[in-house]
Protein backbone atom coordinates (compact mmCIF):
# COMPACT_ATOMS: atom_id res chain seq x y z
CA UNK A 1 -18.57 -121.74 -146.86
CA UNK A 2 -18.42 -122.28 -150.66
CA UNK A 3 -19.73 -120.27 -153.61
CA UNK A 4 -23.45 -120.86 -153.28
CA UNK A 5 -25.32 -117.64 -153.76
CA UNK A 6 -28.11 -116.26 -151.65
CA UNK A 7 -31.54 -115.42 -153.03
CA UNK A 8 -31.51 -111.57 -152.79
CA UNK A 9 -34.36 -110.43 -150.46
CA UNK A 10 -36.64 -107.64 -151.60
CA UNK A 11 -36.09 -104.63 -149.39
CA UNK A 12 -39.67 -103.76 -148.70
CA UNK A 13 -41.22 -101.39 -146.13
CA UNK A 14 -43.00 -102.81 -143.10
CA UNK A 15 -46.70 -103.72 -143.96
CA UNK A 16 -49.50 -101.65 -142.63
CA UNK A 17 -51.18 -104.85 -141.57
CA UNK A 18 -48.38 -106.08 -139.40
CA UNK A 19 -49.62 -106.49 -135.79
CA UNK A 20 -47.38 -109.01 -134.08
CA UNK A 21 -43.74 -108.29 -133.66
CA UNK A 22 -41.49 -111.11 -132.22
CA UNK A 23 -37.95 -110.56 -130.98
CA UNK A 24 -35.76 -113.56 -132.01
CA UNK A 25 -32.09 -114.09 -131.09
CA UNK A 26 -29.69 -116.13 -133.33
CA UNK A 27 -26.90 -117.55 -131.17
CA UNK A 28 -24.00 -120.00 -131.69
CA UNK A 29 -20.28 -120.42 -131.66
CA UNK A 30 -17.72 -118.23 -133.47
CA UNK A 31 -17.96 -118.30 -137.15
CA UNK A 32 -21.09 -120.53 -137.34
CA UNK A 33 -23.00 -118.18 -139.78
CA UNK A 34 -25.10 -116.08 -137.56
CA UNK A 35 -24.46 -112.86 -139.45
CA UNK A 36 -24.85 -114.64 -142.70
CA UNK A 37 -28.37 -115.95 -141.63
CA UNK A 38 -29.51 -112.47 -140.47
CA UNK A 39 -28.21 -111.00 -143.66
CA UNK A 40 -29.79 -113.59 -145.97
CA UNK A 41 -33.22 -113.26 -144.53
CA UNK A 42 -33.66 -109.69 -143.65
CA UNK A 43 -35.91 -107.63 -145.75
CA UNK A 44 -34.26 -104.48 -144.64
CA UNK A 45 -30.60 -103.64 -144.93
CA UNK A 46 -29.21 -105.33 -141.83
CA UNK A 47 -27.44 -103.40 -139.14
CA UNK A 48 -24.26 -105.27 -138.14
CA UNK A 49 -21.21 -104.50 -136.17
CA UNK A 50 -18.66 -106.49 -137.99
CA UNK A 51 -15.03 -105.46 -137.72
CA UNK A 52 -11.85 -106.79 -139.39
CA UNK A 53 -10.12 -109.31 -137.39
CA UNK A 54 -6.59 -108.17 -136.21
CA UNK A 55 -3.48 -109.70 -134.68
CA UNK A 56 -4.92 -108.85 -131.34
CA UNK A 57 -7.33 -111.67 -131.69
CA UNK A 58 -4.59 -114.33 -132.10
CA UNK A 59 -4.66 -116.69 -129.20
CA UNK A 60 -7.88 -115.20 -128.04
CA UNK A 61 -10.35 -116.19 -130.71
CA UNK A 62 -10.27 -119.95 -131.83
CA UNK A 63 -10.11 -119.82 -135.59
CA UNK A 64 -8.75 -123.29 -136.46
CA UNK A 65 -11.86 -124.39 -138.27
CA UNK A 66 -12.69 -120.91 -139.80
CA UNK A 67 -9.38 -119.88 -141.19
CA UNK A 68 -11.02 -117.97 -144.09
CA UNK A 69 -12.97 -115.74 -141.71
CA UNK A 70 -11.65 -112.20 -141.79
CA UNK A 71 -14.32 -110.20 -139.90
CA UNK A 72 -16.21 -110.70 -136.69
CA UNK A 73 -19.34 -109.43 -134.87
CA UNK A 74 -18.40 -107.19 -131.84
CA UNK A 75 -21.84 -106.27 -130.68
CA UNK A 76 -24.87 -107.74 -132.53
CA UNK A 77 -26.45 -108.00 -135.89
CA UNK A 78 -30.13 -106.74 -136.51
CA UNK A 79 -32.59 -107.52 -139.29
CA UNK A 80 -36.23 -107.90 -139.86
CA UNK A 81 -38.46 -110.36 -141.77
CA UNK A 82 -42.19 -110.43 -142.28
CA UNK A 83 -43.41 -114.11 -142.28
CA UNK A 84 -46.74 -113.16 -143.35
CA UNK A 85 -48.93 -109.90 -143.43
CA UNK A 86 -49.29 -109.89 -139.74
CA UNK A 87 -46.26 -111.55 -138.12
CA UNK A 88 -42.91 -109.72 -138.17
CA UNK A 89 -39.75 -111.11 -136.72
CA UNK A 90 -37.05 -108.86 -135.34
CA UNK A 91 -33.74 -110.70 -135.51
CA UNK A 92 -30.75 -110.10 -133.37
CA UNK A 93 -27.46 -112.08 -134.10
CA UNK A 94 -25.38 -112.46 -131.09
CA UNK A 95 -21.54 -112.43 -131.15
CA UNK A 96 -20.03 -115.83 -131.00
CA UNK A 97 -16.63 -115.24 -129.22
CA UNK A 98 -16.37 -116.06 -125.61
CA UNK A 99 -15.14 -112.53 -124.72
CA UNK A 100 -18.34 -111.17 -125.85
CA UNK A 101 -20.70 -113.54 -124.04
CA UNK A 102 -21.46 -110.93 -121.41
CA UNK A 103 -23.65 -109.24 -123.99
CA UNK A 104 -26.02 -112.30 -124.45
CA UNK A 105 -27.98 -111.88 -121.25
CA UNK A 106 -29.00 -108.41 -122.34
CA UNK A 107 -29.90 -109.64 -125.78
CA UNK A 108 -32.07 -112.34 -124.35
CA UNK A 109 -34.19 -109.68 -122.54
CA UNK A 110 -37.71 -109.66 -124.13
CA UNK A 111 -36.77 -112.52 -126.47
CA UNK A 112 -39.60 -114.90 -127.22
CA UNK A 113 -37.45 -117.55 -128.88
CA UNK A 114 -34.05 -118.24 -130.34
CA UNK A 115 -32.17 -120.10 -133.09
CA UNK A 116 -29.00 -121.90 -132.15
CA UNK A 117 -26.80 -122.35 -135.16
CA UNK A 118 -24.55 -125.36 -135.06
CA UNK A 119 -21.37 -126.15 -137.09
CA UNK A 120 -20.62 -129.87 -136.80
CA UNK A 121 -16.94 -129.28 -136.99
CA UNK A 122 -17.17 -127.26 -133.75
CA UNK A 123 -20.25 -128.70 -131.83
CA UNK A 124 -18.66 -128.05 -128.47
CA UNK A 125 -19.19 -124.27 -129.21
CA UNK A 126 -22.95 -124.79 -129.01
CA UNK A 127 -23.02 -125.89 -125.34
CA UNK A 128 -22.83 -122.40 -123.84
CA UNK A 129 -25.67 -121.04 -126.12
CA UNK A 130 -27.97 -124.01 -125.17
CA UNK A 131 -27.03 -123.72 -121.55
CA UNK A 132 -27.93 -120.02 -121.41
CA UNK A 133 -31.19 -120.29 -123.20
CA UNK A 134 -32.26 -123.11 -120.89
CA UNK A 135 -31.21 -120.94 -117.98
CA UNK A 136 -33.33 -118.22 -119.14
CA UNK A 137 -36.24 -120.52 -120.02
CA UNK A 138 -36.14 -119.27 -123.54
CA UNK A 139 -37.62 -121.70 -126.12
CA UNK A 140 -35.33 -122.42 -129.03
CA UNK A 141 -34.67 -124.57 -132.17
CA UNK A 142 -31.35 -125.83 -133.30
CA UNK A 143 -30.37 -125.36 -136.99
CA UNK A 144 -27.31 -127.28 -138.42
CA UNK A 145 -25.56 -125.04 -140.86
CA UNK A 146 -24.03 -127.39 -143.30
CA UNK A 147 -20.60 -126.13 -144.54
CA UNK A 148 -19.35 -127.14 -147.87
CA UNK A 149 -16.00 -128.50 -146.45
CA UNK A 150 -17.64 -130.47 -143.53
CA UNK A 151 -17.08 -134.10 -144.53
CA UNK A 152 -18.45 -135.60 -141.27
CA UNK A 153 -21.99 -135.99 -142.58
CA UNK A 154 -23.35 -136.45 -139.09
CA UNK A 155 -27.13 -137.42 -139.19
CA UNK A 156 -29.54 -135.04 -137.25
CA UNK A 157 -30.17 -138.09 -134.80
CA UNK A 158 -26.41 -138.19 -134.17
CA UNK A 159 -26.26 -134.49 -133.63
CA UNK A 160 -29.25 -134.60 -131.25
CA UNK A 161 -27.55 -137.34 -129.22
CA UNK A 162 -24.20 -135.31 -129.09
CA UNK A 163 -26.04 -132.15 -127.90
CA UNK A 164 -28.19 -134.09 -125.58
CA UNK A 165 -31.18 -132.35 -126.97
CA UNK A 166 -34.66 -133.47 -125.81
CA UNK A 167 -36.99 -134.80 -128.45
CA UNK A 168 -39.31 -131.74 -128.09
CA UNK A 169 -36.57 -129.32 -129.26
CA UNK A 170 -36.85 -129.03 -133.18
CA UNK A 171 -33.64 -129.86 -135.04
CA UNK A 172 -33.21 -129.09 -138.74
CA UNK A 173 -30.63 -128.75 -141.44
CA UNK A 174 -30.06 -125.27 -143.03
CA UNK A 175 -27.83 -123.32 -145.30
CA UNK A 176 -27.50 -119.86 -143.69
CA UNK A 177 -26.62 -118.42 -147.12
CA UNK A 178 -29.99 -119.12 -148.79
CA UNK A 179 -32.92 -116.98 -147.80
CA UNK A 180 -35.55 -119.75 -148.23
CA UNK A 181 -33.56 -122.06 -145.92
CA UNK A 182 -33.07 -119.33 -143.34
CA UNK A 183 -36.81 -118.61 -143.57
CA UNK A 184 -37.74 -122.25 -142.99
CA UNK A 185 -35.54 -122.14 -139.83
CA UNK A 186 -37.55 -119.16 -138.55
CA UNK A 187 -40.97 -120.65 -139.47
CA UNK A 188 -39.92 -123.92 -137.49
CA UNK A 189 -39.19 -121.65 -134.46
CA UNK A 190 -42.46 -119.81 -134.73
CA UNK A 191 -44.34 -123.06 -135.18
CA UNK A 192 -42.47 -124.32 -132.08
CA UNK A 193 -43.48 -121.20 -130.09
CA UNK A 194 -47.12 -121.73 -131.10
CA UNK A 195 -47.14 -125.35 -130.10
CA UNK A 196 -45.70 -124.37 -126.65
CA UNK A 197 -48.24 -121.62 -126.20
CA UNK A 198 -51.11 -123.83 -127.06
CA UNK A 199 -49.84 -126.63 -124.67
CA UNK A 200 -49.60 -123.96 -122.00
CA UNK A 201 -53.24 -122.79 -122.52
CA UNK A 202 -54.44 -126.37 -122.27
CA UNK A 203 -52.71 -127.02 -119.03
CA UNK A 204 -55.12 -126.68 -116.18
């Protein structure tokens, strides 16, 4: 992505009033911005397992549309953000390469919801994430990370059709580098989870 700068989050301790902790997983294809999203919104120094990409990945990891990428997540990213005085989200960013997909099912354990990050230049990379979440019955939202060099300018409706997303699945634009944008994605997910929970309560 380009030179846009993230808003630096304050590194604050967990509030004494926090009473609800939600585990959220950020998934998507290789190089879509999962580590960037976790890093930009986390109020603590995020734990990450990024390693420098080497010659061993040539022919294994598809890097044609992310040529500038020099590191990759090999386990998961972890961060934390307090949405308000009571609700805290614990964020786990899943590795994107196919060779690390075996880790996903374990990361999904105990997860209340997920964010699927999408790069419109590589939308096919989103299918596996959506399929696994649907398999686990995990509610999710889809966030389109708009890259500066993406000239396609696909509308959200076009993306919804391309991904065959049902209307009830929230779909929004975001910039993973910007804290306020990432926070909007997480708020959208929490609102979605609340709506689903209320609907379930009202079902006889």
